[in-house]
Amino acid sequence: MPPVVLVLLAITSVQFGAAIAKTLFDDIGPGGTVFLRMALGAIVLLILWRPKVRGVARQHLWLVLGFAVTLAGMNTSFYAALDRIPQGVAVTLEMVGPLGVAVFASRRARDFAWVLLALAGILLLSDFGDFGGLDTTGVALALLAGAFWAGYILLSVRAGQVFPGGAGLSLALVAASLLLVPVGVADGGSSLLDPKVLALGLAVALLSTAIAYSLELEALRRLPTGLFGVMMSLEPAAGALAGYVVGGETLAGRELVAIGLVVAASAGAATSAPAPTEPFDV
């Protein structure tokens, strides 16, 4: 399957998974939902890839730990943001992460024009500084998720180079699940064992974790990170669509224009950025 198709499927999968996840917040909260998603996703990928820890170099275990921290941080902050602001808005703000990766990879002066365009979109989204009726904590959490997303992109590339198949992702998800146990139990409690909750949690785990991350990991093996960033710029539109279809969320015209500006900025920055062969060494 062409890598571009893999990315499109991953985007659709992760955003509709997030929309379904939001329906679980009343039962187990954002913390319980992200824990259930990570844990069930880890189980699925462990069965699929059966990674081996024995024989893995120590520096690569540190890579797994770093990957796990970014996965846990990205998803926890994003789900907490989803609990406070519409999905399309949250994903738009989160795009500062991939945008930053693309601009940093280029470092050319003209590429800062894309940053200005993205800032214009975010200012418009915020109604020029006061964020209108948006929850400011939700906005801050979405931006934090973007910072973790930048780390996820770089570490995902490296994990795909070091580990075969989805072994690196599987190990990282196991570690991320362990990190999220206190948050998940505190937020979800005994409701985590409810059959209906488990069924929806499994759907979220498959859509947003097992399927989406596996597709992204495979695509990143065959795509320049710049082109991957272009594809990721479709996330806000997909998030807005998923939020509308699943949760009935609607956006004002100003918010839709703001999303369009951030999408254009992310696509432009990623298009002009060179593709690094080695993001960094771990």
C-alpha atoms as a PDB file:
ATOM      1  CA  MET A   1       0.000   0.000   0.000  1.00  0.00           C
ATOM      2  CA  PRO A   2       1.422   3.452  -0.888  1.00  0.00           C
ATOM      3  CA  PRO A   3       2.751   5.312   2.180  1.00  0.00           C
ATOM      4  CA  VAL A   4       0.533   8.337   1.472  1.00  0.00           C
ATOM      5  CA  VAL A   5      -2.531   6.079   1.724  1.00  0.00           C
ATOM      6  CA  LEU A   6      -1.182   4.675   4.996  1.00  0.00           C
ATOM      7  CA  VAL A   7      -0.985   8.188   6.461  1.00  0.00           C
ATOM      8  CA  LEU A   8      -4.506   9.089   5.306  1.00  0.00           C
ATOM      9  CA  LEU A   9      -5.878   5.931   6.901  1.00  0.00           C
ATOM     10  CA  ALA A  10      -3.937   6.662  10.093  1.00  0.00           C
ATOM     11  CA  ILE A  11      -5.319  10.218  10.284  1.00  0.00           C
ATOM     12  CA  THR A  12      -8.898   9.028   9.816  1.00  0.00           C
ATOM     13  CA  SER A  13      -8.434   6.209  12.318  1.00  0.00           C
ATOM     14  CA  VAL A  14      -6.874   8.296  15.082  1.00  0.00           C
ATOM     15  CA  GLN A  15      -9.381  11.156  14.858  1.00  0.00           C
ATOM     16  CA  PHE A  16     -12.483   8.972  14.861  1.00  0.00           C
ATOM     17  CA  GLY A  17     -10.904   7.005  17.707  1.00  0.00           C
ATOM     18  CA  ALA A  18     -10.477  10.269  19.627  1.00  0.00           C
ATOM     19  CA  ALA A  19     -14.095  11.214  18.992  1.00  0.00           C
ATOM     20  CA  ILE A  20     -15.243   7.856  20.386  1.00  0.00           C
ATOM     21  CA  ALA A  21     -12.854   8.260  23.337  1.00  0.00           C
ATOM     22  CA  LYS A  22     -14.571  11.518  24.276  1.00  0.00           C
ATOM     23  CA  THR A  23     -17.810   9.591  24.829  1.00  0.00           C
ATOM     24  CA  LEU A  24     -16.051   7.670  27.638  1.00  0.00           C
ATOM     25  CA  PHE A  25     -15.077  10.766  29.639  1.00  0.00           C
ATOM     26  CA  ASP A  26     -18.290  10.802  31.677  1.00  0.00           C
ATOM     27  CA  ASP A  27     -17.650   7.218  32.817  1.00  0.00           C
ATOM     28  CA  ILE A  28     -13.884   7.039  33.401  1.00  0.00           C
ATOM     29  CA  GLY A  29     -12.577  10.554  32.744  1.00  0.00           C
ATOM     30  CA  PRO A  30      -9.786  11.531  30.354  1.00  0.00           C
ATOM     31  CA  GLY A  31      -7.146   9.808  32.519  1.00  0.00           C
ATOM     32  CA  GLY A  32      -8.995   6.510  32.634  1.00  0.00           C
ATOM     33  CA  THR A  33      -9.680   6.694  28.902  1.00  0.00           C
ATOM     34  CA  VAL A  34      -6.066   7.306  27.902  1.00  0.00           C
ATOM     35  CA  PHE A  35      -4.880   4.532  30.232  1.00  0.00           C
ATOM     36  CA  LEU A  36      -7.412   2.073  28.807  1.00  0.00           C
ATOM     37  CA  ARG A  37      -6.440   3.047  25.274  1.00  0.00           C
ATOM     38  CA  MET A  38      -2.696   2.651  25.907  1.00  0.00           C
ATOM     39  CA  ALA A  39      -3.034  -0.612  27.857  1.00  0.00           C
ATOM     40  CA  LEU A  40      -5.379  -2.344  25.417  1.00  0.00           C
ATOM     41  CA  GLY A  41      -3.390  -1.049  22.460  1.00  0.00           C
ATOM     42  CA  ALA A  42      -0.206  -2.419  24.016  1.00  0.00           C
ATOM     43  CA  ILE A  43      -1.807  -5.854  24.459  1.00  0.00           C
ATOM     44  CA  VAL A  44      -2.936  -5.932  20.825  1.00  0.00           C
ATOM     45  CA  LEU A  45       0.499  -4.951  19.507  1.00  0.00           C
ATOM     46  CA  LEU A  46       2.301  -7.360  21.833  1.00  0.00           C
ATOM     47  CA  ILE A  47       0.226 -10.189  20.385  1.00  0.00           C
ATOM     48  CA  LEU A  48       0.857  -8.926  16.863  1.00  0.00           C
ATOM     49  CA  TRP A  49       4.612  -8.205  17.026  1.00  0.00           C
ATOM     50  CA  ARG A  50       5.873 -10.263  20.007  1.00  0.00           C
ATOM     51  CA  PRO A  51       8.881  -7.995  20.642  1.00  0.00           C
ATOM     52  CA  LYS A  52      11.930  -9.322  22.493  1.00  0.00           C
ATOM     53  CA  VAL A  53      13.666  -7.296  25.184  1.00  0.00           C
ATOM     54  CA  ARG A  54      16.605  -9.678  25.565  1.00  0.00           C
ATOM     55  CA  GLY A  55      19.513  -8.617  23.429  1.00  0.00           C
ATOM     56  CA  VAL A  56      18.341  -5.019  22.982  1.00  0.00           C
ATOM     57  CA  ALA A  57      21.189  -2.541  23.466  1.00  0.00           C
ATOM     58  CA  ARG A  58      20.964  -0.307  26.538  1.00  0.00           C
ATOM     59  CA  GLN A  59      20.818   2.893  24.481  1.00  0.00           C
ATOM     60  CA  HIS A  60      17.880   1.473  22.575  1.00  0.00           C
ATOM     61  CA  LEU A  61      16.065   0.763  25.840  1.00  0.00           C
ATOM     62  CA  TRP A  62      16.515   4.448  26.671  1.00  0.00           C
ATOM     63  CA  LEU A  63      14.977   5.204  23.280  1.00  0.00           C
ATOM     64  CA  VAL A  64      11.961   3.053  24.224  1.00  0.00           C
ATOM     65  CA  LEU A  65      11.619   4.904  27.545  1.00  0.00           C
ATOM     66  CA  GLY A  66      11.778   8.295  25.836  1.00  0.00           C
ATOM     67  CA  PHE A  67       9.251   7.131  23.273  1.00  0.00           C
ATOM     68  CA  ALA A  68       6.974   5.954  26.103  1.00  0.00           C
ATOM     69  CA  VAL A  69       7.159   9.308  27.897  1.00  0.00           C
ATOM     70  CA  THR A  70       6.189  11.191  24.730  1.00  0.00           C
ATOM     71  CA  LEU A  71       3.298   8.785  24.054  1.00  0.00           C
ATOM     72  CA  ALA A  72       1.984   9.092  27.602  1.00  0.00           C
ATOM     73  CA  GLY A  73       2.418  12.868  27.725  1.00  0.00           C
ATOM     74  CA  MET A  74       0.976  13.522  24.262  1.00  0.00           C
ATOM     75  CA  ASN A  75      -2.155  11.460  24.768  1.00  0.00           C
ATOM     76  CA  THR A  76      -2.833  12.452  28.379  1.00  0.00           C
ATOM     77  CA  SER A  77      -2.595  16.181  27.666  1.00  0.00           C
ATOM     78  CA  PHE A  78      -4.600  15.850  24.439  1.00  0.00           C
ATOM     79  CA  TYR A  79      -7.445  13.917  26.077  1.00  0.00           C
ATOM     80  CA  ALA A  80      -7.498  16.410  28.939  1.00  0.00           C
ATOM     81  CA  ALA A  81      -7.777  19.172  26.328  1.00  0.00           C
ATOM     82  CA  LEU A  82     -10.602  17.288  24.550  1.00  0.00           C
ATOM     83  CA  ASP A  83     -12.522  17.330  27.822  1.00  0.00           C
ATOM     84  CA  ARG A  84     -12.505  21.138  27.725  1.00  0.00           C
ATOM     85  CA  ILE A  85     -12.510  22.315  24.098  1.00  0.00           C
ATOM     86  CA  PRO A  86     -13.884  21.039  20.729  1.00  0.00           C
ATOM     87  CA  GLN A  87     -11.850  18.353  18.976  1.00  0.00           C
ATOM     88  CA  GLY A  88     -11.153  20.414  15.840  1.00  0.00           C
ATOM     89  CA  VAL A  89      -9.814  23.293  17.947  1.00  0.00           C
ATOM     90  CA  ALA A  90      -7.676  20.976  20.096  1.00  0.00           C
ATOM     91  CA  VAL A  91      -6.073  19.319  17.073  1.00  0.00           C
ATOM     92  CA  THR A  92      -5.442  22.714  15.446  1.00  0.00           C
ATOM     93  CA  LEU A  93      -3.566  23.964  18.506  1.00  0.00           C
ATOM     94  CA  GLU A  94      -1.711  20.661  18.752  1.00  0.00           C
ATOM     95  CA  MET A  95      -0.347  21.228  15.227  1.00  0.00           C
ATOM     96  CA  VAL A  96       2.296  23.577  16.648  1.00  0.00           C
ATOM     97  CA  GLY A  97       4.356  20.431  17.291  1.00  0.00           C
ATOM     98  CA  PRO A  98       4.619  19.090  13.722  1.00  0.00           C
ATOM     99  CA  LEU A  99       4.921  22.671  12.466  1.00  0.00           C
ATOM    100  CA  GLY A 100       7.891  23.230  14.756  1.00  0.00           C
ATOM    101  CA  VAL A 101       9.555  20.024  13.538  1.00  0.00           C
ATOM    102  CA  ALA A 102       9.154  21.100   9.920  1.00  0.00           C
ATOM    103  CA  VAL A 103      10.504  24.617  10.504  1.00  0.00           C
ATOM    104  CA  PHE A 104      13.412  23.370  12.609  1.00  0.00           C
ATOM    105  CA  ALA A 105      14.352  20.886   9.888  1.00  0.00           C
ATOM    106  CA  SER A 106      14.617  23.739   7.402  1.00  0.00           C
ATOM    107  CA  ARG A 107      15.915  26.733   9.429  1.00  0.00           C
ATOM    108  CA  ARG A 108      15.582  29.021   6.397  1.00  0.00           C
ATOM    109  CA  ALA A 109      14.436  32.563   7.037  1.00  0.00           C
ATOM    110  CA  ARG A 110      11.534  32.405   4.587  1.00  0.00           C
ATOM    111  CA  ASP A 111      10.087  29.428   6.421  1.00  0.00           C
ATOM    112  CA  PHE A 112       9.301  31.655   9.384  1.00  0.00           C
ATOM    113  CA  ALA A 113       6.548  33.076   7.188  1.00  0.00           C
ATOM    114  CA  TRP A 114       4.745  29.781   7.795  1.00  0.00           C
ATOM    115  CA  VAL A 115       5.125  30.318  11.530  1.00  0.00           C
ATOM    116  CA  LEU A 116       3.537  33.758  11.186  1.00  0.00           C
ATOM    117  CA  LEU A 117       0.672  32.266   9.179  1.00  0.00           C
ATOM    118  CA  ALA A 118       0.119  29.623  11.859  1.00  0.00           C
ATOM    119  CA  LEU A 119       0.221  32.273  14.582  1.00  0.00           C
ATOM    120  CA  ALA A 120      -2.359  34.262  12.643  1.00  0.00           C
ATOM    121  CA  GLY A 121      -4.586  31.181  12.598  1.00  0.00           C
ATOM    122  CA  ILE A 122      -4.136  30.622  16.329  1.00  0.00           C
ATOM    123  CA  LEU A 123      -4.847  34.311  17.061  1.00  0.00           C
ATOM    124  CA  LEU A 124      -8.000  34.104  14.965  1.00  0.00           C
ATOM    125  CA  LEU A 125      -8.964  30.914  16.752  1.00  0.00           C
ATOM    126  CA  SER A 126      -8.446  32.676  20.080  1.00  0.00           C
ATOM    127  CA  ASP A 127     -10.504  35.693  18.967  1.00  0.00           C
ATOM    128  CA  PHE A 128      -7.263  37.717  19.044  1.00  0.00           C
ATOM    129  CA  GLY A 129      -6.025  36.870  22.474  1.00  0.00           C
ATOM    130  CA  ASP A 130      -8.994  36.274  24.734  1.00  0.00           C
ATOM    131  CA  PHE A 131      -9.913  32.821  23.324  1.00  0.00           C
ATOM    132  CA  GLY A 132     -13.588  33.804  23.276  1.00  0.00           C
ATOM    133  CA  GLY A 133     -15.517  31.078  25.044  1.00  0.00           C
ATOM    134  CA  LEU A 134     -12.630  28.581  24.943  1.00  0.00           C
ATOM    135  CA  ASP A 135     -11.341  27.106  28.174  1.00  0.00           C
ATOM    136  CA  THR A 136      -7.812  28.485  28.672  1.00  0.00           C
ATOM    137  CA  THR A 137      -6.637  25.342  30.481  1.00  0.00           C
ATOM    138  CA  GLY A 138      -7.838  23.271  27.536  1.00  0.00           C
ATOM    139  CA  VAL A 139      -5.907  25.532  25.169  1.00  0.00           C
ATOM    140  CA  ALA A 140      -2.728  25.179  27.247  1.00  0.00           C
ATOM    141  CA  LEU A 141      -3.111  21.386  27.365  1.00  0.00           C
ATOM    142  CA  ALA A 142      -3.564  21.204  23.581  1.00  0.00           C
ATOM    143  CA  LEU A 143      -0.367  23.230  23.087  1.00  0.00           C
ATOM    144  CA  LEU A 144       1.452  20.925  25.524  1.00  0.00           C
ATOM    145  CA  ALA A 145       0.215  17.935  23.512  1.00  0.00           C
ATOM    146  CA  GLY A 146       1.725  19.603  20.441  1.00  0.00           C
ATOM    147  CA  ALA A 147       5.123  19.775  22.117  1.00  0.00           C
ATOM    148  CA  PHE A 148       4.926  16.068  22.922  1.00  0.00           C
ATOM    149  CA  TRP A 149       3.780  15.393  19.335  1.00  0.00           C
ATOM    150  CA  ALA A 150       6.994  16.920  18.027  1.00  0.00           C
ATOM    151  CA  GLY A 151       8.981  14.511  20.188  1.00  0.00           C
ATOM    152  CA  TYR A 152       6.768  11.619  19.057  1.00  0.00           C
ATOM    153  CA  ILE A 153       7.540  12.299  15.378  1.00  0.00           C
ATOM    154  CA  LEU A 154      11.297  12.310  15.918  1.00  0.00           C
ATOM    155  CA  LEU A 155      11.333   9.300  18.233  1.00  0.00           C
ATOM    156  CA  SER A 156       8.957   7.347  15.987  1.00  0.00           C
ATOM    157  CA  VAL A 157      11.353   7.789  13.064  1.00  0.00           C
ATOM    158  CA  ARG A 158      14.261   6.599  15.175  1.00  0.00           C
ATOM    159  CA  ALA A 159      12.351   3.629  16.611  1.00  0.00           C
ATOM    160  CA  GLY A 160      11.396   2.561  13.099  1.00  0.00           C
ATOM    161  CA  GLN A 161      15.084   2.582  12.143  1.00  0.00           C
ATOM    162  CA  VAL A 162      16.262   0.638  15.194  1.00  0.00           C
ATOM    163  CA  PHE A 163      13.522  -1.952  15.795  1.00  0.00           C
ATOM    164  CA  PRO A 164      11.956  -4.361  13.293  1.00  0.00           C
ATOM    165  CA  GLY A 165       8.270  -4.026  12.497  1.00  0.00           C
ATOM    166  CA  GLY A 166       6.292  -2.572  15.351  1.00  0.00           C
ATOM    167  CA  ALA A 167       8.530  -3.964  18.094  1.00  0.00           C
ATOM    168  CA  GLY A 168       9.732  -0.556  19.279  1.00  0.00           C
ATOM    169  CA  LEU A 169       6.204   0.841  19.348  1.00  0.00           C
ATOM    170  CA  SER A 170       4.928  -2.212  21.248  1.00  0.00           C
ATOM    171  CA  LEU A 171       7.581  -1.900  23.934  1.00  0.00           C
ATOM    172  CA  ALA A 172       6.985   1.852  24.223  1.00  0.00           C
ATOM    173  CA  LEU A 173       3.245   1.328  24.657  1.00  0.00           C
ATOM    174  CA  VAL A 174       3.838  -1.178  27.448  1.00  0.00           C
ATOM    175  CA  ALA A 175       6.089   1.304  29.256  1.00  0.00           C
ATOM    176  CA  ALA A 176       3.607   4.152  28.627  1.00  0.00           C
ATOM    177  CA  SER A 177       0.773   2.040  30.062  1.00  0.00           C
ATOM    178  CA  LEU A 178       2.763   1.414  33.233  1.00  0.00           C
ATOM    179  CA  LEU A 179       3.461   5.135  33.577  1.00  0.00           C
ATOM    180  CA  LEU A 180      -0.267   5.856  33.252  1.00  0.00           C
ATOM    181  CA  VAL A 181      -1.503   3.315  35.838  1.00  0.00           C
ATOM    182  CA  PRO A 182      -1.822   5.883  38.698  1.00  0.00           C
ATOM    183  CA  VAL A 183      -3.638   8.389  36.467  1.00  0.00           C
ATOM    184  CA  GLY A 184      -5.934   5.765  34.984  1.00  0.00           C
ATOM    185  CA  VAL A 185      -6.923   4.154  38.281  1.00  0.00           C
ATOM    186  CA  ALA A 186      -7.435   7.519  39.995  1.00  0.00           C
ATOM    187  CA  ASP A 187      -9.703   8.787  37.203  1.00  0.00           C
ATOM    188  CA  GLY A 188     -11.475   5.592  36.136  1.00  0.00           C
ATOM    189  CA  GLY A 189     -11.590   3.458  39.274  1.00  0.00           C
ATOM    190  CA  SER A 190     -13.707   0.310  39.140  1.00  0.00           C
ATOM    191  CA  SER A 191     -15.544   1.604  36.040  1.00  0.00           C
ATOM    192  CA  LEU A 192     -12.499   0.533  34.027  1.00  0.00           C
ATOM    193  CA  LEU A 193     -13.800  -3.048  34.370  1.00  0.00           C
ATOM    194  CA  ASP A 194     -17.300  -2.296  33.077  1.00  0.00           C
ATOM    195  CA  PRO A 195     -17.917  -4.457  29.949  1.00  0.00           C
ATOM    196  CA  LYS A 196     -19.372  -1.559  27.937  1.00  0.00           C
ATOM    197  CA  VAL A 197     -16.460   0.672  28.859  1.00  0.00           C
ATOM    198  CA  LEU A 198     -13.987  -2.073  27.976  1.00  0.00           C
ATOM    199  CA  ALA A 199     -15.650  -2.615  24.588  1.00  0.00           C
ATOM    200  CA  LEU A 200     -15.498   1.082  23.712  1.00  0.00           C
ATOM    201  CA  GLY A 201     -11.967   1.275  25.113  1.00  0.00           C
ATOM    202  CA  LEU A 202     -10.919  -1.576  22.835  1.00  0.00           C
ATOM    203  CA  ALA A 203     -12.415   0.248  19.839  1.00  0.00           C
ATOM    204  CA  VAL A 204     -10.452   3.382  20.773  1.00  0.00           C
ATOM    205  CA  ALA A 205      -7.285   1.340  21.326  1.00  0.00           C
ATOM    206  CA  LEU A 206      -7.601  -0.281  17.903  1.00  0.00           C
ATOM    207  CA  LEU A 207      -8.448   2.919  16.028  1.00  0.00           C
ATOM    208  CA  SER A 208      -6.206   5.453  17.771  1.00  0.00           C
ATOM    209  CA  THR A 209      -3.309   3.263  18.876  1.00  0.00           C
ATOM    210  CA  ALA A 210      -2.842  -0.163  17.290  1.00  0.00           C
ATOM    211  CA  ILE A 211      -3.977   0.733  13.777  1.00  0.00           C
ATOM    212  CA  ALA A 212      -3.031   4.421  13.601  1.00  0.00           C
ATOM    213  CA  TYR A 213       0.451   4.173  15.144  1.00  0.00           C
ATOM    214  CA  SER A 214       1.330   1.067  13.162  1.00  0.00           C
ATOM    215  CA  LEU A 215       0.326   2.769   9.918  1.00  0.00           C
ATOM    216  CA  GLU A 216       2.274   5.912  10.834  1.00  0.00           C
ATOM    217  CA  LEU A 217       5.356   3.920  11.804  1.00  0.00           C
ATOM    218  CA  GLU A 218       5.336   2.061   8.500  1.00  0.00           C
ATOM    219  CA  ALA A 219       4.727   5.265   6.538  1.00  0.00           C
ATOM    220  CA  LEU A 220       7.623   7.019   8.289  1.00  0.00           C
ATOM    221  CA  ARG A 221       9.952   4.265   7.089  1.00  0.00           C
ATOM    222  CA  ARG A 222       9.123   5.179   3.489  1.00  0.00           C
ATOM    223  CA  LEU A 223       8.318   8.895   3.601  1.00  0.00           C
ATOM    224  CA  PRO A 224      10.513  11.961   4.256  1.00  0.00           C
ATOM    225  CA  THR A 225       9.563  13.572   7.555  1.00  0.00           C
ATOM    226  CA  GLY A 226       8.717  16.756   5.637  1.00  0.00           C
ATOM    227  CA  LEU A 227       6.107  15.027   3.496  1.00  0.00           C
ATOM    228  CA  PHE A 228       4.795  13.248   6.579  1.00  0.00           C
ATOM    229  CA  GLY A 229       4.333  16.679   8.148  1.00  0.00           C
ATOM    230  CA  VAL A 230       2.338  17.798   5.116  1.00  0.00           C
ATOM    231  CA  MET A 231       0.002  14.849   5.551  1.00  0.00           C
ATOM    232  CA  MET A 232      -0.312  15.500   9.284  1.00  0.00           C
ATOM    233  CA  SER A 233      -1.601  18.985   8.465  1.00  0.00           C
ATOM    234  CA  LEU A 234      -4.893  17.298   7.554  1.00  0.00           C
ATOM    235  CA  GLU A 235      -5.397  16.313  11.210  1.00  0.00           C
ATOM    236  CA  PRO A 236      -7.347  19.458  12.249  1.00  0.00           C
ATOM    237  CA  ALA A 237      -9.848  19.036   9.415  1.00  0.00           C
ATOM    238  CA  ALA A 238     -10.214  15.320  10.190  1.00  0.00           C
ATOM    239  CA  GLY A 239     -10.621  16.134  13.887  1.00  0.00           C
ATOM    240  CA  ALA A 240     -13.327  18.702  13.195  1.00  0.00           C
ATOM    241  CA  LEU A 241     -15.164  16.210  10.946  1.00  0.00           C
ATOM    242  CA  ALA A 242     -14.904  13.382  13.492  1.00  0.00           C
ATOM    243  CA  GLY A 243     -16.057  15.670  16.298  1.00  0.00           C
ATOM    244  CA  TYR A 244     -19.088  16.674  14.238  1.00  0.00           C
ATOM    245  CA  VAL A 245     -20.020  13.151  13.097  1.00  0.00           C
ATOM    246  CA  VAL A 246     -19.535  11.388  16.455  1.00  0.00           C
ATOM    247  CA  GLY A 247     -20.073  14.122  19.031  1.00  0.00           C
ATOM    248  CA  GLY A 248     -22.211  16.664  17.164  1.00  0.00           C
ATOM    249  CA  GLU A 249     -19.593  19.394  17.732  1.00  0.00           C
ATOM    250  CA  THR A 250     -19.959  22.440  15.498  1.00  0.00           C
ATOM    251  CA  LEU A 251     -17.498  25.251  14.810  1.00  0.00           C
ATOM    252  CA  ALA A 252     -18.075  28.907  13.992  1.00  0.00           C
ATOM    253  CA  GLY A 253     -16.953  30.333  10.644  1.00  0.00           C
ATOM    254  CA  ARG A 254     -14.039  32.131  12.330  1.00  0.00           C
ATOM    255  CA  GLU A 255     -12.820  28.867  13.830  1.00  0.00           C
ATOM    256  CA  LEU A 256     -13.038  27.081  10.475  1.00  0.00           C
ATOM    257  CA  VAL A 257     -10.982  29.828   8.798  1.00  0.00           C
ATOM    258  CA  ALA A 258      -8.435  29.618  11.626  1.00  0.00           C
ATOM    259  CA  ILE A 259      -8.137  25.855  11.144  1.00  0.00           C
ATOM    260  CA  GLY A 260      -7.575  26.451   7.422  1.00  0.00           C
ATOM    261  CA  LEU A 261      -4.740  28.902   8.136  1.00  0.00           C
ATOM    262  CA  VAL A 262      -2.965  26.457  10.459  1.00  0.00           C
ATOM    263  CA  VAL A 263      -3.414  23.630   7.940  1.00  0.00           C
ATOM    264  CA  ALA A 264      -1.926  25.816   5.178  1.00  0.00           C
ATOM    265  CA  ALA A 265       0.992  26.863   7.400  1.00  0.00           C
ATOM    266  CA  SER A 266       1.781  23.304   8.426  1.00  0.00           C
ATOM    267  CA  ALA A 267       1.591  22.035   4.848  1.00  0.00           C
ATOM    268  CA  GLY A 268       3.764  24.867   3.531  1.00  0.00           C
ATOM    269  CA  ALA A 269       6.417  24.482   6.218  1.00  0.00           C
ATOM    270  CA  ALA A 270       6.612  20.722   5.789  1.00  0.00           C
ATOM    271  CA  THR A 271       6.755  20.987   1.988  1.00  0.00           C
ATOM    272  CA  SER A 272       9.764  23.298   2.069  1.00  0.00           C
ATOM    273  CA  ALA A 273      11.626  21.404   4.805  1.00  0.00           C
ATOM    274  CA  PRO A 274      14.364  18.953   3.795  1.00  0.00           C
ATOM    275  CA  ALA A 275      14.002  15.349   4.901  1.00  0.00           C
ATOM    276  CA  PRO A 276      16.656  14.469   7.497  1.00  0.00           C
ATOM    277  CA  THR A 277      18.012  10.941   7.180  1.00  0.00           C
ATOM    278  CA  GLU A 278      18.829  10.774  10.889  1.00  0.00           C
ATOM    279  CA  PRO A 279      16.785  13.047  13.173  1.00  0.00           C
ATOM    280  CA  PHE A 280      19.259  12.511  16.017  1.00  0.00           C
ATOM    281  CA  ASP A 281      21.200   9.739  17.623  1.00  0.00           C
ATOM    282  CA  VAL A 282      20.013   7.869  20.681  1.00  0.00           C
END
